[in-house]
Amino acid sequence: MNLKPPLVQLALDFPTIDEALRYAEIGVQAGVDILEAGTPLIVAEGTRAIGRLAQAFPNYPVLADYKTMDSGGKNVLITQKQGGHYMTVCANAADETVKAAIAAGKETGIKVVTDTIGVKDQAARACVVARWGVDMIYIHYAADQRRADATKDGTQWLRSVLDVVNIPVGIGTFGVDDAVAAVRQGAQLVAIGHPLFDSPNVLDALKRYVDQVKSNYKPRA
């Protein structure tokens, strides 16, 4: 799967596999690039959710969003067994956990993404995990943070991270506005989920999101 940025990742944070498959189909129609087995989906349905997405959409990469805090290598192997392509490990996890995930990723071909949720110094930690060999940095302003302060989003850290790493940088978004702001700065992946699933017409909302992301992308210098 030879994907070219900017990539749109669809976060399927649903409690059932059936719901995830239904909205994944809408995402595919809208032009998304990566299907994410979201943390709530994996918690509710287990890792078989990864396999069901991979089987249903064999031409699309599937990301397993465990938000791994321990057993980094094991979660890479689970992802491989289920037919997934990417997995997440928290940048805030112990160094050994992040390194174990990276090592297993190199052995298996599974791409390892470090999720910066809760990281205090985003640029500093991004620099460290990039040096260890992680495949992507994923900047994450969490939903609970957003509920507490809706005036901010992940773009607040984007420039500082882009300035210190050469690997791909992705970012979680809440809508078209922060997604466009992110890709204009050079983010190579943007993720979206429930903010658009709550729209009256989900397909139209996703199509607009994808179109705006693709048309506003400016590769980083």
N, C-alpha and C. Protein backbone atom coordinates (compact mmCIF):
# COMPACT_ATOMS: atom_id res chain seq x y z
N MET A 1 0.84 -1.19 0.00
CA MET A 1 0.00 0.00 0.00
C MET A 1 0.88 1.24 0.00
N ASN A 2 0.96 1.87 -1.14
CA ASN A 2 1.81 3.04 -1.31
C ASN A 2 0.97 4.30 -1.12
N LEU A 3 0.93 4.80 0.10
CA LEU A 3 0.10 5.95 0.42
C LEU A 3 0.92 7.23 0.36
N LYS A 4 0.32 8.27 -0.20
CA LYS A 4 0.99 9.56 -0.30
C LYS A 4 0.23 10.59 0.54
N PRO A 5 0.95 11.40 1.29
CA PRO A 5 0.29 12.42 2.11
C PRO A 5 -0.35 13.50 1.26
N PRO A 6 -1.36 14.14 1.84
CA PRO A 6 -1.84 13.99 3.22
C PRO A 6 -2.80 12.81 3.34
N LEU A 7 -2.70 12.09 4.45
CA LEU A 7 -3.54 10.94 4.69
C LEU A 7 -4.66 11.30 5.67
N VAL A 8 -5.82 10.75 5.41
CA VAL A 8 -6.96 10.93 6.32
C VAL A 8 -7.23 9.59 7.01
N GLN A 9 -7.15 9.61 8.32
CA GLN A 9 -7.39 8.42 9.13
C GLN A 9 -8.76 8.54 9.79
N LEU A 10 -9.57 7.50 9.62
CA LEU A 10 -10.92 7.52 10.18
C LEU A 10 -10.94 6.76 11.50
N ALA A 11 -11.19 7.48 12.60
CA ALA A 11 -11.20 6.89 13.93
C ALA A 11 -12.56 6.26 14.21
N LEU A 12 -12.59 4.93 14.25
CA LEU A 12 -13.84 4.20 14.47
C LEU A 12 -13.97 3.86 15.95
N ASP A 13 -14.38 4.84 16.71
CA ASP A 13 -14.48 4.72 18.17
C ASP A 13 -15.89 4.30 18.58
N PHE A 14 -16.28 3.12 18.11
CA PHE A 14 -17.63 2.63 18.36
C PHE A 14 -17.61 1.45 19.33
N PRO A 15 -18.72 1.18 20.00
CA PRO A 15 -18.75 0.05 20.93
C PRO A 15 -19.00 -1.30 20.29
N THR A 16 -19.35 -1.33 19.00
CA THR A 16 -19.59 -2.61 18.34
C THR A 16 -18.89 -2.67 16.99
N ILE A 17 -18.55 -3.88 16.58
CA ILE A 17 -17.92 -4.09 15.29
C ILE A 17 -18.87 -3.72 14.16
N ASP A 18 -20.15 -4.05 14.31
CA ASP A 18 -21.11 -3.75 13.25
C ASP A 18 -21.18 -2.25 12.96
N GLU A 19 -21.20 -1.44 14.02
CA GLU A 19 -21.21 0.01 13.81
C GLU A 19 -19.93 0.46 13.13
N ALA A 20 -18.80 -0.07 13.57
CA ALA A 20 -17.51 0.30 12.99
C ALA A 20 -17.46 -0.04 11.51
N LEU A 21 -17.94 -1.21 11.15
CA LEU A 21 -17.93 -1.61 9.74
C LEU A 21 -18.85 -0.72 8.91
N ARG A 22 -19.99 -0.36 9.47
CA ARG A 22 -20.93 0.48 8.74
C ARG A 22 -20.34 1.86 8.45
N TYR A 23 -19.71 2.44 9.46
CA TYR A 23 -19.14 3.77 9.26
C TYR A 23 -17.83 3.72 8.48
N ALA A 24 -17.13 2.60 8.56
CA ALA A 24 -15.93 2.44 7.73
C ALA A 24 -16.30 2.46 6.26
N GLU A 25 -17.42 1.83 5.91
CA GLU A 25 -17.88 1.83 4.52
C GLU A 25 -18.18 3.25 4.05
N ILE A 26 -18.79 4.04 4.91
CA ILE A 26 -19.06 5.45 4.57
C ILE A 26 -17.74 6.19 4.38
N GLY A 27 -16.77 5.92 5.26
CA GLY A 27 -15.47 6.56 5.14
C GLY A 27 -14.77 6.21 3.84
N VAL A 28 -14.85 4.96 3.44
CA VAL A 28 -14.25 4.54 2.18
C VAL A 28 -14.91 5.27 1.01
N GLN A 29 -16.23 5.40 1.05
CA GLN A 29 -16.93 6.14 0.00
C GLN A 29 -16.49 7.59 -0.03
N ALA A 30 -16.15 8.14 1.13
CA ALA A 30 -15.76 9.55 1.21
C ALA A 30 -14.30 9.78 0.81
N GLY A 31 -13.51 8.71 0.75
CA GLY A 31 -12.13 8.86 0.30
C GLY A 31 -11.07 8.85 1.37
N VAL A 32 -11.38 8.29 2.56
CA VAL A 32 -10.35 8.22 3.60
C VAL A 32 -9.27 7.23 3.20
N ASP A 33 -8.13 7.30 3.89
CA ASP A 33 -6.97 6.48 3.52
C ASP A 33 -6.69 5.34 4.49
N ILE A 34 -6.94 5.56 5.78
CA ILE A 34 -6.61 4.58 6.82
C ILE A 34 -7.82 4.39 7.72
N LEU A 35 -8.09 3.14 8.08
CA LEU A 35 -9.19 2.82 8.99
C LEU A 35 -8.61 2.50 10.36
N GLU A 36 -9.08 3.19 11.37
CA GLU A 36 -8.57 3.02 12.73
C GLU A 36 -9.54 2.22 13.59
N ALA A 37 -9.07 1.08 14.09
CA ALA A 37 -9.81 0.37 15.13
C ALA A 37 -9.55 1.14 16.42
N GLY A 38 -10.52 1.98 16.80
CA GLY A 38 -10.32 2.90 17.91
C GLY A 38 -10.21 2.20 19.25
N THR A 39 -9.67 2.91 20.22
CA THR A 39 -9.51 2.35 21.56
C THR A 39 -10.83 1.84 22.14
N PRO A 40 -11.94 2.61 22.10
CA PRO A 40 -13.19 2.08 22.63
C PRO A 40 -13.65 0.81 21.93
N LEU A 41 -13.40 0.71 20.63
CA LEU A 41 -13.79 -0.48 19.88
C LEU A 41 -12.99 -1.70 20.33
N ILE A 42 -11.69 -1.54 20.49
CA ILE A 42 -10.84 -2.65 20.93
C ILE A 42 -11.18 -3.04 22.37
N VAL A 43 -11.46 -2.05 23.21
CA VAL A 43 -11.84 -2.35 24.59
C VAL A 43 -13.15 -3.13 24.64
N ALA A 44 -14.12 -2.74 23.81
CA ALA A 44 -15.45 -3.37 23.85
C ALA A 44 -15.48 -4.72 23.15
N GLU A 45 -14.79 -4.83 22.02
CA GLU A 45 -14.91 -6.02 21.17
C GLU A 45 -13.65 -6.88 21.12
N GLY A 46 -12.58 -6.40 21.69
CA GLY A 46 -11.34 -7.16 21.65
C GLY A 46 -10.58 -6.94 20.35
N THR A 47 -9.43 -7.57 20.25
CA THR A 47 -8.56 -7.34 19.09
C THR A 47 -9.12 -7.94 17.80
N ARG A 48 -10.17 -8.78 17.91
CA ARG A 48 -10.78 -9.32 16.70
C ARG A 48 -11.36 -8.20 15.84
N ALA A 49 -11.63 -7.05 16.45
CA ALA A 49 -12.14 -5.91 15.68
C ALA A 49 -11.13 -5.48 14.61
N ILE A 50 -9.85 -5.59 14.94
CA ILE A 50 -8.81 -5.25 13.97
C ILE A 50 -8.91 -6.17 12.76
N GLY A 51 -9.03 -7.48 13.05
CA GLY A 51 -9.13 -8.47 11.99
C GLY A 51 -10.37 -8.31 11.14
N ARG A 52 -11.49 -7.98 11.76
CA ARG A 52 -12.73 -7.82 11.00
C ARG A 52 -12.62 -6.65 10.03
N LEU A 53 -12.00 -5.56 10.46
CA LEU A 53 -11.80 -4.42 9.56
C LEU A 53 -10.86 -4.78 8.43
N ALA A 54 -9.77 -5.48 8.77
CA ALA A 54 -8.80 -5.87 7.74
C ALA A 54 -9.42 -6.81 6.72
N GLN A 55 -10.27 -7.72 7.17
CA GLN A 55 -10.93 -8.65 6.25
C GLN A 55 -11.96 -7.96 5.38
N ALA A 56 -12.70 -7.04 5.97
CA ALA A 56 -13.77 -6.36 5.24
C ALA A 56 -13.23 -5.35 4.22
N PHE A 57 -12.04 -4.79 4.52
CA PHE A 57 -11.47 -3.76 3.64
C PHE A 57 -10.01 -4.10 3.35
N PRO A 58 -9.78 -5.15 2.55
CA PRO A 58 -8.42 -5.65 2.32
C PRO A 58 -7.49 -4.67 1.62
N ASN A 59 -8.04 -3.67 0.97
CA ASN A 59 -7.21 -2.69 0.25
C ASN A 59 -6.89 -1.46 1.08
N TYR A 60 -7.29 -1.48 2.35
CA TYR A 60 -7.06 -0.32 3.22
C TYR A 60 -6.21 -0.71 4.42
N PRO A 61 -5.22 0.11 4.75
CA PRO A 61 -4.47 -0.15 5.97
C PRO A 61 -5.34 0.05 7.20
N VAL A 62 -5.11 -0.79 8.19
CA VAL A 62 -5.85 -0.71 9.45
C VAL A 62 -4.88 -0.39 10.58
N LEU A 63 -5.21 0.62 11.36
CA LEU A 63 -4.42 1.01 12.52
C LEU A 63 -5.12 0.54 13.79
N ALA A 64 -4.36 -0.11 14.65
CA ALA A 64 -4.89 -0.57 15.94
C ALA A 64 -4.51 0.44 17.01
N ASP A 65 -5.50 1.16 17.51
CA ASP A 65 -5.23 2.23 18.47
C ASP A 65 -5.37 1.71 19.89
N TYR A 66 -4.35 1.00 20.35
CA TYR A 66 -4.36 0.47 21.71
C TYR A 66 -4.05 1.55 22.76
N LYS A 67 -3.31 2.59 22.33
CA LYS A 67 -2.69 3.51 23.30
C LYS A 67 -1.88 2.69 24.32
N THR A 68 -0.99 1.90 23.80
CA THR A 68 -0.20 0.97 24.60
C THR A 68 0.63 1.68 25.66
N MET A 69 0.51 1.20 26.90
CA MET A 69 1.32 1.71 28.00
C MET A 69 2.27 0.64 28.55
N ASP A 70 2.10 -0.60 28.12
CA ASP A 70 2.98 -1.69 28.53
C ASP A 70 2.87 -2.78 27.47
N SER A 71 3.83 -3.71 27.48
CA SER A 71 3.82 -4.82 26.52
C SER A 71 3.79 -4.33 25.08
N GLY A 72 4.67 -3.39 24.77
CA GLY A 72 4.71 -2.82 23.43
C GLY A 72 4.93 -3.85 22.34
N GLY A 73 5.86 -4.76 22.56
CA GLY A 73 6.14 -5.78 21.55
C GLY A 73 4.98 -6.72 21.33
N LYS A 74 4.28 -7.09 22.40
CA LYS A 74 3.15 -8.01 22.29
C LYS A 74 2.03 -7.41 21.44
N ASN A 75 1.78 -6.12 21.62
CA ASN A 75 0.71 -5.50 20.85
C ASN A 75 1.06 -5.39 19.37
N VAL A 76 2.32 -5.27 19.07
CA VAL A 76 2.74 -5.31 17.66
C VAL A 76 2.43 -6.69 17.07
N LEU A 77 2.75 -7.73 17.81
CA LEU A 77 2.51 -9.10 17.32
C LEU A 77 1.02 -9.38 17.17
N ILE A 78 0.21 -8.86 18.10
CA ILE A 78 -1.25 -9.02 17.98
C ILE A 78 -1.75 -8.34 16.72
N THR A 79 -1.24 -7.15 16.45
CA THR A 79 -1.63 -6.41 15.25
C THR A 79 -1.30 -7.21 14.00
N GLN A 80 -0.12 -7.77 13.97
CA GLN A 80 0.29 -8.59 12.82
C GLN A 80 -0.63 -9.80 12.66
N LYS A 81 -0.92 -10.48 13.76
CA LYS A 81 -1.77 -11.67 13.71
C LYS A 81 -3.16 -11.36 13.19
N GLN A 82 -3.67 -10.18 13.51
CA GLN A 82 -5.01 -9.79 13.08
C GLN A 82 -5.04 -9.18 11.68
N GLY A 83 -3.90 -9.00 11.08
CA GLY A 83 -3.86 -8.45 9.73
C GLY A 83 -3.82 -6.94 9.67
N GLY A 84 -3.51 -6.30 10.81
CA GLY A 84 -3.39 -4.85 10.83
C GLY A 84 -2.06 -4.38 10.27
N HIS A 85 -1.90 -3.08 10.18
CA HIS A 85 -0.72 -2.50 9.54
C HIS A 85 0.01 -1.49 10.41
N TYR A 86 -0.73 -0.81 11.29
CA TYR A 86 -0.16 0.19 12.20
C TYR A 86 -0.65 -0.11 13.61
N MET A 87 0.14 0.32 14.61
CA MET A 87 -0.32 0.25 16.00
C MET A 87 0.18 1.46 16.74
N THR A 88 -0.47 1.77 17.87
CA THR A 88 -0.06 2.94 18.64
C THR A 88 0.52 2.53 19.99
N VAL A 89 1.56 3.25 20.36
CA VAL A 89 2.13 3.15 21.70
C VAL A 89 2.20 4.57 22.24
N CYS A 90 1.88 4.74 23.51
CA CYS A 90 1.90 6.09 24.09
C CYS A 90 3.33 6.59 24.24
N ALA A 91 3.56 7.81 23.81
CA ALA A 91 4.88 8.41 23.99
C ALA A 91 5.21 8.54 25.47
N ASN A 92 4.18 8.62 26.31
CA ASN A 92 4.36 8.74 27.76
C ASN A 92 4.66 7.41 28.44
N ALA A 93 4.61 6.32 27.70
CA ALA A 93 4.91 5.02 28.28
C ALA A 93 6.38 4.95 28.67
N ALA A 94 6.72 3.94 29.45
CA ALA A 94 8.12 3.74 29.81
C ALA A 94 8.99 3.61 28.56
N ASP A 95 10.20 4.11 28.66
CA ASP A 95 11.11 4.02 27.51
C ASP A 95 11.19 2.60 26.98
N GLU A 96 11.25 1.64 27.89
CA GLU A 96 11.39 0.24 27.49
C GLU A 96 10.19 -0.23 26.67
N THR A 97 9.01 0.27 27.01
CA THR A 97 7.80 -0.13 26.27
C THR A 97 7.82 0.43 24.85
N VAL A 98 8.19 1.69 24.72
CA VAL A 98 8.27 2.30 23.39
C VAL A 98 9.33 1.59 22.55
N LYS A 99 10.47 1.32 23.15
CA LYS A 99 11.56 0.65 22.42
C LYS A 99 11.17 -0.77 22.03
N ALA A 100 10.43 -1.47 22.90
CA ALA A 100 9.99 -2.83 22.58
C ALA A 100 9.05 -2.82 21.39
N ALA A 101 8.15 -1.85 21.34
CA ALA A 101 7.23 -1.74 20.21
C ALA A 101 7.99 -1.46 18.92
N ILE A 102 8.95 -0.56 18.99
CA ILE A 102 9.74 -0.21 17.80
C ILE A 102 10.51 -1.43 17.31
N ALA A 103 11.14 -2.16 18.22
CA ALA A 103 11.92 -3.33 17.84
C ALA A 103 11.04 -4.38 17.17
N ALA A 104 9.87 -4.64 17.75
CA ALA A 104 8.96 -5.62 17.17
C ALA A 104 8.42 -5.14 15.83
N GLY A 105 8.22 -3.84 15.72
CA GLY A 105 7.76 -3.29 14.45
C GLY A 105 8.78 -3.49 13.34
N LYS A 106 10.04 -3.32 13.65
CA LYS A 106 11.09 -3.52 12.65
C LYS A 106 11.13 -4.98 12.20
N GLU A 107 10.88 -5.89 13.13
CA GLU A 107 10.92 -7.32 12.81
C GLU A 107 9.71 -7.78 11.99
N THR A 108 8.57 -7.17 12.24
CA THR A 108 7.33 -7.63 11.62
C THR A 108 6.86 -6.81 10.42
N GLY A 109 7.35 -5.58 10.32
CA GLY A 109 6.86 -4.68 9.28
C GLY A 109 5.65 -3.87 9.70
N ILE A 110 5.19 -4.06 10.94
CA ILE A 110 4.09 -3.24 11.46
C ILE A 110 4.63 -1.85 11.78
N LYS A 111 3.94 -0.81 11.32
CA LYS A 111 4.36 0.56 11.57
C LYS A 111 3.94 0.99 12.98
N VAL A 112 4.88 1.56 13.72
CA VAL A 112 4.64 1.96 15.10
C VAL A 112 4.46 3.47 15.18
N VAL A 113 3.34 3.89 15.74
CA VAL A 113 2.98 5.30 15.88
C VAL A 113 3.00 5.66 17.36
N THR A 114 3.72 6.70 17.71
CA THR A 114 3.72 7.14 19.11
C THR A 114 2.69 8.25 19.30
N ASP A 115 1.74 7.98 20.17
CA ASP A 115 0.65 8.90 20.48
C ASP A 115 1.09 9.78 21.65
N THR A 116 1.06 11.09 21.46
CA THR A 116 1.59 12.01 22.46
C THR A 116 0.57 12.44 23.52
N ILE A 117 -0.51 11.71 23.66
CA ILE A 117 -1.54 12.07 24.63
C ILE A 117 -0.94 12.23 26.02
N GLY A 118 -1.17 13.39 26.63
CA GLY A 118 -0.70 13.65 27.98
C GLY A 118 0.75 14.06 28.12
N VAL A 119 1.49 14.11 27.03
CA VAL A 119 2.90 14.49 27.10
C VAL A 119 3.01 15.98 27.40
N LYS A 120 3.84 16.34 28.36
CA LYS A 120 3.98 17.75 28.75
C LYS A 120 4.87 18.53 27.79
N ASP A 121 6.01 17.95 27.42
CA ASP A 121 6.91 18.61 26.46
C ASP A 121 6.88 17.80 25.17
N GLN A 122 5.96 18.18 24.30
CA GLN A 122 5.71 17.39 23.09
C GLN A 122 6.93 17.32 22.18
N ALA A 123 7.58 18.43 21.94
CA ALA A 123 8.73 18.44 21.03
C ALA A 123 9.88 17.60 21.57
N ALA A 124 10.14 17.71 22.86
CA ALA A 124 11.26 16.96 23.45
C ALA A 124 11.03 15.47 23.35
N ARG A 125 9.82 15.02 23.70
CA ARG A 125 9.56 13.57 23.65
C ARG A 125 9.51 13.08 22.21
N ALA A 126 8.97 13.88 21.31
CA ALA A 126 8.94 13.51 19.90
C ALA A 126 10.35 13.30 19.37
N CYS A 127 11.24 14.17 19.75
CA CYS A 127 12.64 14.07 19.32
C CYS A 127 13.26 12.77 19.80
N VAL A 128 12.97 12.39 21.04
CA VAL A 128 13.54 11.17 21.62
C VAL A 128 13.03 9.92 20.90
N VAL A 129 11.70 9.81 20.75
CA VAL A 129 11.16 8.58 20.14
C VAL A 129 11.51 8.50 18.66
N ALA A 130 11.65 9.64 18.00
CA ALA A 130 12.08 9.63 16.61
C ALA A 130 13.50 9.09 16.50
N ARG A 131 14.34 9.47 17.42
CA ARG A 131 15.72 8.98 17.42
C ARG A 131 15.78 7.46 17.63
N TRP A 132 14.83 6.93 18.40
CA TRP A 132 14.78 5.49 18.62
C TRP A 132 14.28 4.71 17.40
N GLY A 133 13.61 5.40 16.47
CA GLY A 133 13.20 4.72 15.24
C GLY A 133 11.71 4.51 15.06
N VAL A 134 10.88 5.25 15.80
CA VAL A 134 9.44 5.14 15.60
C VAL A 134 9.07 5.61 14.20
N ASP A 135 7.96 5.12 13.66
CA ASP A 135 7.61 5.43 12.27
C ASP A 135 6.83 6.73 12.11
N MET A 136 6.08 7.11 13.13
CA MET A 136 5.30 8.35 13.05
C MET A 136 5.05 8.90 14.45
N ILE A 137 5.00 10.22 14.53
CA ILE A 137 4.55 10.91 15.74
C ILE A 137 3.09 11.30 15.53
N TYR A 138 2.24 11.01 16.51
CA TYR A 138 0.83 11.39 16.42
C TYR A 138 0.51 12.36 17.55
N ILE A 139 0.34 13.62 17.21
CA ILE A 139 0.06 14.66 18.19
C ILE A 139 -1.40 14.57 18.61
N HIS A 140 -1.61 14.50 19.92
CA HIS A 140 -2.96 14.20 20.42
C HIS A 140 -3.38 15.14 21.56
N TYR A 141 -4.27 16.05 21.24
CA TYR A 141 -4.98 16.84 22.25
C TYR A 141 -6.25 16.05 22.53
N ALA A 142 -6.35 15.49 23.72
CA ALA A 142 -7.37 14.48 24.01
C ALA A 142 -8.77 15.06 24.11
N ALA A 143 -9.75 14.17 23.96
CA ALA A 143 -11.16 14.58 24.04
C ALA A 143 -11.48 15.21 25.38
N ASP A 144 -10.93 14.66 26.47
CA ASP A 144 -11.19 15.25 27.78
C ASP A 144 -10.56 16.63 27.91
N GLN A 145 -9.39 16.80 27.30
CA GLN A 145 -8.76 18.12 27.29
C GLN A 145 -9.61 19.11 26.51
N ARG A 146 -10.15 18.64 25.40
CA ARG A 146 -10.99 19.48 24.56
C ARG A 146 -12.27 19.90 25.29
N ARG A 147 -12.84 18.95 26.04
CA ARG A 147 -14.04 19.29 26.81
C ARG A 147 -13.74 20.33 27.89
N ALA A 148 -12.54 20.27 28.44
CA ALA A 148 -12.16 21.22 29.48
C ALA A 148 -11.79 22.58 28.90
N ASP A 149 -11.23 22.58 27.68
CA ASP A 149 -10.82 23.84 27.05
C ASP A 149 -10.94 23.69 25.53
N ALA A 150 -12.08 24.09 25.00
CA ALA A 150 -12.36 23.94 23.57
C ALA A 150 -11.67 25.00 22.72
N THR A 151 -10.94 25.92 23.35
CA THR A 151 -10.24 26.94 22.57
C THR A 151 -8.92 26.41 22.00
N LYS A 152 -8.52 25.21 22.41
CA LYS A 152 -7.24 24.65 21.95
C LYS A 152 -7.45 23.35 21.19
N ASP A 153 -6.44 22.99 20.41
CA ASP A 153 -6.42 21.70 19.73
C ASP A 153 -4.96 21.31 19.53
N GLY A 154 -4.72 20.20 18.85
CA GLY A 154 -3.37 19.69 18.70
C GLY A 154 -2.43 20.56 17.89
N THR A 155 -2.98 21.49 17.11
CA THR A 155 -2.11 22.34 16.30
C THR A 155 -1.22 23.24 17.15
N GLN A 156 -1.55 23.41 18.42
CA GLN A 156 -0.74 24.26 19.30
C GLN A 156 0.70 23.73 19.43
N TRP A 157 0.88 22.41 19.22
CA TRP A 157 2.21 21.80 19.35
C TRP A 157 2.84 21.43 18.01
N LEU A 158 2.08 21.55 16.94
CA LEU A 158 2.51 20.99 15.66
C LEU A 158 3.82 21.58 15.16
N ARG A 159 3.93 22.89 15.13
CA ARG A 159 5.13 23.51 14.57
C ARG A 159 6.37 23.12 15.36
N SER A 160 6.28 23.08 16.68
CA SER A 160 7.45 22.74 17.48
C SER A 160 7.90 21.30 17.24
N VAL A 161 6.95 20.40 16.98
CA VAL A 161 7.30 19.00 16.69
C VAL A 161 7.88 18.87 15.29
N LEU A 162 7.25 19.52 14.32
CA LEU A 162 7.76 19.46 12.95
C LEU A 162 9.19 19.99 12.85
N ASP A 163 9.53 20.93 13.71
CA ASP A 163 10.85 21.55 13.67
C ASP A 163 11.96 20.63 14.17
N VAL A 164 11.60 19.56 14.92
CA VAL A 164 12.66 18.75 15.54
C VAL A 164 12.71 17.31 15.03
N VAL A 165 11.75 16.89 14.20
CA VAL A 165 11.79 15.52 13.67
C VAL A 165 11.66 15.54 12.15
N ASN A 166 12.21 14.50 11.53
CA ASN A 166 12.13 14.37 10.08
C ASN A 166 11.15 13.28 9.64
N ILE A 167 10.61 12.53 10.59
CA ILE A 167 9.67 11.47 10.26
C ILE A 167 8.26 12.05 10.11
N PRO A 168 7.34 11.27 9.56
CA PRO A 168 5.97 11.76 9.41
C PRO A 168 5.34 12.16 10.75
N VAL A 169 4.54 13.21 10.70
CA VAL A 169 3.82 13.69 11.88
C VAL A 169 2.34 13.74 11.54
N GLY A 170 1.55 13.06 12.38
CA GLY A 170 0.10 13.10 12.24
C GLY A 170 -0.51 13.85 13.41
N ILE A 171 -1.81 14.09 13.34
CA ILE A 171 -2.47 14.86 14.39
C ILE A 171 -3.95 14.50 14.45
N GLY A 172 -4.46 14.41 15.65
CA GLY A 172 -5.89 14.22 15.83
C GLY A 172 -6.61 15.54 15.69
N THR A 173 -7.74 15.54 15.00
CA THR A 173 -8.46 16.79 14.75
C THR A 173 -9.91 16.68 15.21
N PHE A 174 -10.55 17.85 15.28
CA PHE A 174 -11.94 17.91 15.72
C PHE A 174 -12.88 18.39 14.62
N GLY A 175 -12.32 18.73 13.46
CA GLY A 175 -13.14 19.21 12.36
C GLY A 175 -12.28 19.70 11.21
N VAL A 176 -12.93 20.32 10.26
CA VAL A 176 -12.24 20.78 9.05
C VAL A 176 -11.22 21.87 9.37
N ASP A 177 -11.56 22.78 10.26
CA ASP A 177 -10.70 23.94 10.49
C ASP A 177 -9.32 23.56 11.00
N ASP A 178 -9.26 22.74 12.05
CA ASP A 178 -7.93 22.38 12.57
C ASP A 178 -7.22 21.41 11.64
N ALA A 179 -7.98 20.61 10.88
CA ALA A 179 -7.35 19.71 9.91
C ALA A 179 -6.65 20.52 8.81
N VAL A 180 -7.33 21.54 8.30
CA VAL A 180 -6.73 22.38 7.25
C VAL A 180 -5.53 23.13 7.80
N ALA A 181 -5.65 23.66 9.00
CA ALA A 181 -4.52 24.36 9.62
C ALA A 181 -3.33 23.42 9.77
N ALA A 182 -3.58 22.16 10.09
CA ALA A 182 -2.50 21.19 10.28
C ALA A 182 -1.80 20.85 8.97
N VAL A 183 -2.56 20.55 7.94
CA VAL A 183 -1.91 20.15 6.68
C VAL A 183 -1.24 21.33 5.99
N ARG A 184 -1.72 22.52 6.24
CA ARG A 184 -1.04 23.70 5.68
C ARG A 184 0.32 23.91 6.32
N GLN A 185 0.50 23.40 7.55
CA GLN A 185 1.80 23.49 8.21
C GLN A 185 2.71 22.30 7.87
N GLY A 186 2.14 21.28 7.24
CA GLY A 186 2.96 20.15 6.84
C GLY A 186 2.65 18.84 7.52
N ALA A 187 1.60 18.78 8.36
CA ALA A 187 1.20 17.50 8.93
C ALA A 187 0.87 16.54 7.80
N GLN A 188 1.36 15.31 7.91
CA GLN A 188 1.17 14.36 6.82
C GLN A 188 -0.02 13.44 7.01
N LEU A 189 -0.62 13.48 8.20
CA LEU A 189 -1.81 12.68 8.48
C LEU A 189 -2.70 13.45 9.43
N VAL A 190 -4.00 13.39 9.17
CA VAL A 190 -4.98 13.95 10.10
C VAL A 190 -6.01 12.87 10.40
N ALA A 191 -6.45 12.81 11.63
CA ALA A 191 -7.46 11.82 12.03
C ALA A 191 -8.73 12.53 12.47
N ILE A 192 -9.86 11.90 12.15
CA ILE A 192 -11.16 12.44 12.52
C ILE A 192 -12.11 11.28 12.82
N GLY A 193 -13.07 11.53 13.68
CA GLY A 193 -14.03 10.49 14.02
C GLY A 193 -15.36 11.08 14.42
N HIS A 194 -15.70 10.95 15.70
CA HIS A 194 -17.04 11.32 16.16
C HIS A 194 -17.45 12.77 15.90
N PRO A 195 -16.56 13.72 15.87
CA PRO A 195 -17.06 15.06 15.55
C PRO A 195 -17.83 15.10 14.23
N LEU A 196 -17.43 14.27 13.26
CA LEU A 196 -18.16 14.24 11.99
C LEU A 196 -19.24 13.17 11.96
N PHE A 197 -19.08 12.11 12.73
CA PHE A 197 -20.12 11.09 12.78
C PHE A 197 -21.42 11.63 13.37
N ASP A 198 -21.30 12.71 14.10
CA ASP A 198 -22.49 13.32 14.69
C ASP A 198 -23.19 14.28 13.73
N SER A 199 -22.66 14.41 12.51
CA SER A 199 -23.25 15.31 11.52
C SER A 199 -24.56 14.75 10.98
N PRO A 200 -25.48 15.61 10.53
CA PRO A 200 -26.75 15.14 9.95
C PRO A 200 -26.53 14.24 8.73
N ASN A 201 -25.54 14.58 7.91
CA ASN A 201 -25.19 13.77 6.74
C ASN A 201 -23.71 13.42 6.85
N VAL A 202 -23.43 12.23 7.35
CA VAL A 202 -22.05 11.84 7.63
C VAL A 202 -21.22 11.75 6.36
N LEU A 203 -21.78 11.18 5.30
CA LEU A 203 -21.03 11.04 4.06
C LEU A 203 -20.63 12.39 3.51
N ASP A 204 -21.54 13.33 3.46
CA ASP A 204 -21.21 14.66 2.95
C ASP A 204 -20.17 15.35 3.82
N ALA A 205 -20.30 15.20 5.13
CA ALA A 205 -19.35 15.82 6.05
C ALA A 205 -17.94 15.24 5.86
N LEU A 206 -17.86 13.93 5.70
CA LEU A 206 -16.56 13.29 5.49
C LEU A 206 -15.97 13.66 4.13
N LYS A 207 -16.80 13.72 3.13
CA LYS A 207 -16.32 14.10 1.79
C LYS A 207 -15.73 15.52 1.83
N ARG A 208 -16.41 16.42 2.50
CA ARG A 208 -15.92 17.80 2.60
C ARG A 208 -14.60 17.82 3.36
N TYR A 209 -14.52 17.08 4.44
CA TYR A 209 -13.29 17.01 5.23
C TYR A 209 -12.13 16.51 4.37
N VAL A 210 -12.34 15.40 3.68
CA VAL A 210 -11.28 14.81 2.84
C VAL A 210 -10.86 15.79 1.75
N ASP A 211 -11.84 16.40 1.09
CA ASP A 211 -11.54 17.34 0.01
C ASP A 211 -10.73 18.53 0.51
N GLN A 212 -11.10 19.08 1.65
CA GLN A 212 -10.38 20.23 2.19
C GLN A 212 -8.96 19.86 2.61
N VAL A 213 -8.80 18.68 3.19
CA VAL A 213 -7.46 18.23 3.60
C VAL A 213 -6.57 18.05 2.38
N LYS A 214 -7.09 17.37 1.37
CA LYS A 214 -6.28 17.07 0.19
C LYS A 214 -5.92 18.35 -0.58
N SER A 215 -6.83 19.29 -0.66
CA SER A 215 -6.61 20.49 -1.47
C SER A 215 -5.78 21.54 -0.77
N ASN A 216 -5.62 21.44 0.54
CA ASN A 216 -4.87 22.46 1.29
C ASN A 216 -3.51 22.00 1.76
N TYR A 217 -3.10 20.80 1.42
CA TYR A 217 -1.83 20.26 1.92
C TYR A 217 -0.64 21.00 1.33
N LYS A 218 0.29 21.35 2.21
CA LYS A 218 1.55 21.95 1.81
C LYS A 218 2.69 21.13 2.44
N PRO A 219 3.45 20.41 1.62
CA PRO A 219 4.53 19.58 2.17
C PRO A 219 5.49 20.41 3.00
N ARG A 220 5.96 19.85 4.08
CA ARG A 220 6.92 20.55 4.92
C ARG A 220 8.21 20.78 4.17
N ALA A 221 8.87 21.87 4.49
CA ALA A 221 10.10 22.24 3.78
C ALA A 221 11.21 21.25 4.09
